[in-house]
């Protein structure tokens, strides 16, 4: 996603939880899909209202899904999203704590 990115440089030992699956999406298929469909996902807690501009794919972002989320044509159960991760990290923490408290 960033000039010079290379799969061989990705530190796979950072996210080691068994639920994490590492993938490399050179054609940016997932990021392009999410960029095109982000506004129609209707997060229950919303985002911060800043939509990525002048990019070809959604990256440096988070999407938080609830436990009841499903994926048919489009995913359901989106709780929150943010762009960029560092800029919206306080909202991510707040929404994470909310999700923990309501389970």
C-alpha atoms as a PDB file:
ATOM      1  CA  UNK A   1       0.000   0.000   0.000  1.00  0.00           C
ATOM      2  CA  UNK A   2       2.936   2.270   0.558  1.00  0.00           C
ATOM      3  CA  UNK A   3       5.726   2.732  -1.988  1.00  0.00           C
ATOM      4  CA  UNK A   4       8.445   0.252  -1.186  1.00  0.00           C
ATOM      5  CA  UNK A   5       6.170  -2.130   0.748  1.00  0.00           C
ATOM      6  CA  UNK A   6       7.291  -5.699   0.338  1.00  0.00           C
ATOM      7  CA  UNK A   7       5.855  -8.875   1.826  1.00  0.00           C
ATOM      8  CA  UNK A   8       9.315 -10.072   2.875  1.00  0.00           C
ATOM      9  CA  UNK A   9       9.644  -6.993   5.133  1.00  0.00           C
ATOM     10  CA  UNK A  10       6.379  -7.648   7.036  1.00  0.00           C
ATOM     11  CA  UNK A  11       7.099  -8.653  10.669  1.00  0.00           C
ATOM     12  CA  UNK A  12       4.863 -11.731  11.010  1.00  0.00           C
ATOM     13  CA  UNK A  13       5.839 -12.143  14.675  1.00  0.00           C
ATOM     14  CA  UNK A  14       3.940  -8.967  15.724  1.00  0.00           C
ATOM     15  CA  UNK A  15       0.400 -10.358  15.505  1.00  0.00           C
ATOM     16  CA  UNK A  16       0.631 -13.928  16.759  1.00  0.00           C
ATOM     17  CA  UNK A  17      -2.875 -14.666  18.057  1.00  0.00           C
ATOM     18  CA  UNK A  18      -4.268 -17.864  16.485  1.00  0.00           C
ATOM     19  CA  UNK A  19      -7.216 -15.837  15.113  1.00  0.00           C
ATOM     20  CA  UNK A  20      -4.882 -13.606  13.065  1.00  0.00           C
ATOM     21  CA  UNK A  21      -4.296 -14.544   9.470  1.00  0.00           C
ATOM     22  CA  UNK A  22      -1.599 -12.722   7.507  1.00  0.00           C
ATOM     23  CA  UNK A  23      -2.377 -11.981   3.861  1.00  0.00           C
ATOM     24  CA  UNK A  24      -0.646  -9.873   1.231  1.00  0.00           C
ATOM     25  CA  UNK A  25      -2.971  -8.135  -1.220  1.00  0.00           C
ATOM     26  CA  UNK A  26      -0.774  -6.754  -4.009  1.00  0.00           C
ATOM     27  CA  UNK A  27      -3.705  -5.773  -6.251  1.00  0.00           C
ATOM     28  CA  UNK A  28      -5.316  -3.988  -3.242  1.00  0.00           C
ATOM     29  CA  UNK A  29      -8.601  -5.827  -3.856  1.00  0.00           C
ATOM     30  CA  UNK A  30      -9.764  -5.728  -0.225  1.00  0.00           C
ATOM     31  CA  UNK A  31      -8.725  -2.109   0.309  1.00  0.00           C
ATOM     32  CA  UNK A  32     -10.449  -0.996  -2.902  1.00  0.00           C
ATOM     33  CA  UNK A  33     -13.649  -2.840  -1.954  1.00  0.00           C
ATOM     34  CA  UNK A  34     -13.742  -1.297   1.521  1.00  0.00           C
ATOM     35  CA  UNK A  35     -13.028   2.187   0.160  1.00  0.00           C
ATOM     36  CA  UNK A  36     -15.906   1.872  -2.318  1.00  0.00           C
ATOM     37  CA  UNK A  37     -18.324   0.402   0.236  1.00  0.00           C
ATOM     38  CA  UNK A  38     -17.342   2.059   3.514  1.00  0.00           C
ATOM     39  CA  UNK A  39     -20.218   4.520   3.598  1.00  0.00           C
ATOM     40  CA  UNK A  40     -22.813   1.781   3.048  1.00  0.00           C
ATOM     41  CA  UNK A  41     -21.615  -0.378   5.967  1.00  0.00           C
ATOM     42  CA  UNK A  42     -23.447   1.815   8.539  1.00  0.00           C
ATOM     43  CA  UNK A  43     -21.351   1.368  11.687  1.00  0.00           C
ATOM     44  CA  UNK A  44     -23.537   1.301  14.800  1.00  0.00           C
ATOM     45  CA  UNK A  45     -21.213   3.631  16.706  1.00  0.00           C
ATOM     46  CA  UNK A  46     -20.130   5.539  13.617  1.00  0.00           C
ATOM     47  CA  UNK A  47     -16.748   6.680  12.506  1.00  0.00           C
ATOM     48  CA  UNK A  48     -15.252  10.071  13.054  1.00  0.00           C
ATOM     49  CA  UNK A  49     -16.719  11.381   9.804  1.00  0.00           C
ATOM     50  CA  UNK A  50     -13.395  11.794   8.017  1.00  0.00           C
ATOM     51  CA  UNK A  51     -13.546   9.853   4.787  1.00  0.00           C
ATOM     52  CA  UNK A  52     -10.252   8.997   3.043  1.00  0.00           C
ATOM     53  CA  UNK A  53      -9.639  11.289   0.082  1.00  0.00           C
ATOM     54  CA  UNK A  54      -7.323  10.959  -2.900  1.00  0.00           C
ATOM     55  CA  UNK A  55      -6.411   7.333  -2.221  1.00  0.00           C
ATOM     56  CA  UNK A  56      -6.907   4.259  -4.372  1.00  0.00           C
ATOM     57  CA  UNK A  57      -7.677   1.868  -1.495  1.00  0.00           C
ATOM     58  CA  UNK A  58      -8.577   1.948   2.188  1.00  0.00           C
ATOM     59  CA  UNK A  59      -5.453   1.380   4.246  1.00  0.00           C
ATOM     60  CA  UNK A  60      -4.056   2.520   7.586  1.00  0.00           C
ATOM     61  CA  UNK A  61      -7.581   2.054   8.913  1.00  0.00           C
ATOM     62  CA  UNK A  62      -9.502  -0.093  11.306  1.00  0.00           C
ATOM     63  CA  UNK A  63     -12.954  -1.643  11.098  1.00  0.00           C
ATOM     64  CA  UNK A  64     -14.358  -3.101  14.302  1.00  0.00           C
ATOM     65  CA  UNK A  65     -16.963  -5.847  13.943  1.00  0.00           C
ATOM     66  CA  UNK A  66     -19.342  -7.138  16.614  1.00  0.00           C
ATOM     67  CA  UNK A  67     -19.584 -10.764  17.655  1.00  0.00           C
ATOM     68  CA  UNK A  68     -22.761 -11.199  15.588  1.00  0.00           C
ATOM     69  CA  UNK A  69     -21.186  -9.900  12.378  1.00  0.00           C
ATOM     70  CA  UNK A  70     -21.790 -11.902   9.216  1.00  0.00           C
ATOM     71  CA  UNK A  71     -20.613 -11.598   5.648  1.00  0.00           C
ATOM     72  CA  UNK A  72     -22.850 -12.414   2.703  1.00  0.00           C
ATOM     73  CA  UNK A  73     -22.744  -9.812  -0.063  1.00  0.00           C
ATOM     74  CA  UNK A  74     -21.428  -7.215   2.384  1.00  0.00           C
ATOM     75  CA  UNK A  75     -20.393  -7.462   6.018  1.00  0.00           C
ATOM     76  CA  UNK A  76     -22.875  -6.681   8.764  1.00  0.00           C
ATOM     77  CA  UNK A  77     -22.210  -5.809  12.379  1.00  0.00           C
ATOM     78  CA  UNK A  78     -19.674  -3.035  11.826  1.00  0.00           C
ATOM     79  CA  UNK A  79     -19.359  -1.258  15.153  1.00  0.00           C
ATOM     80  CA  UNK A  80     -16.829   1.415  14.306  1.00  0.00           C
ATOM     81  CA  UNK A  81     -14.188   2.440  11.811  1.00  0.00           C
ATOM     82  CA  UNK A  82     -11.394   4.963  11.722  1.00  0.00           C
ATOM     83  CA  UNK A  83      -8.848   6.472   9.356  1.00  0.00           C
ATOM     84  CA  UNK A  84      -5.930   6.764  10.081  1.00  0.00           C
ATOM     85  CA  UNK A  85      -5.298   4.337  12.922  1.00  0.00           C
ATOM     86  CA  UNK A  86      -3.016   6.731  14.809  1.00  0.00           C
ATOM     87  CA  UNK A  87      -5.336   9.715  14.348  1.00  0.00           C
ATOM     88  CA  UNK A  88      -8.406   7.773  15.557  1.00  0.00           C
ATOM     89  CA  UNK A  89      -6.752   5.576  18.189  1.00  0.00           C
ATOM     90  CA  UNK A  90      -8.672   7.260  21.045  1.00  0.00           C
ATOM     91  CA  UNK A  91     -11.979   6.416  19.329  1.00  0.00           C
ATOM     92  CA  UNK A  92     -10.766   2.856  18.710  1.00  0.00           C
ATOM     93  CA  UNK A  93      -9.958   2.446  22.411  1.00  0.00           C
ATOM     94  CA  UNK A  94     -13.307   3.961  23.428  1.00  0.00           C
ATOM     95  CA  UNK A  95     -15.250   1.675  21.063  1.00  0.00           C
ATOM     96  CA  UNK A  96     -13.208  -1.357  22.134  1.00  0.00           C
ATOM     97  CA  UNK A  97     -13.964  -0.661  25.793  1.00  0.00           C
ATOM     98  CA  UNK A  98     -17.662  -0.182  24.931  1.00  0.00           C
ATOM     99  CA  UNK A  99     -17.695  -3.530  23.083  1.00  0.00           C
ATOM    100  CA  UNK A 100     -16.078  -5.287  26.067  1.00  0.00           C
ATOM    101  CA  UNK A 101     -18.520  -3.714  28.542  1.00  0.00           C
ATOM    102  CA  UNK A 102     -21.605  -4.724  26.520  1.00  0.00           C
ATOM    103  CA  UNK A 103     -20.804  -8.366  25.859  1.00  0.00           C
END
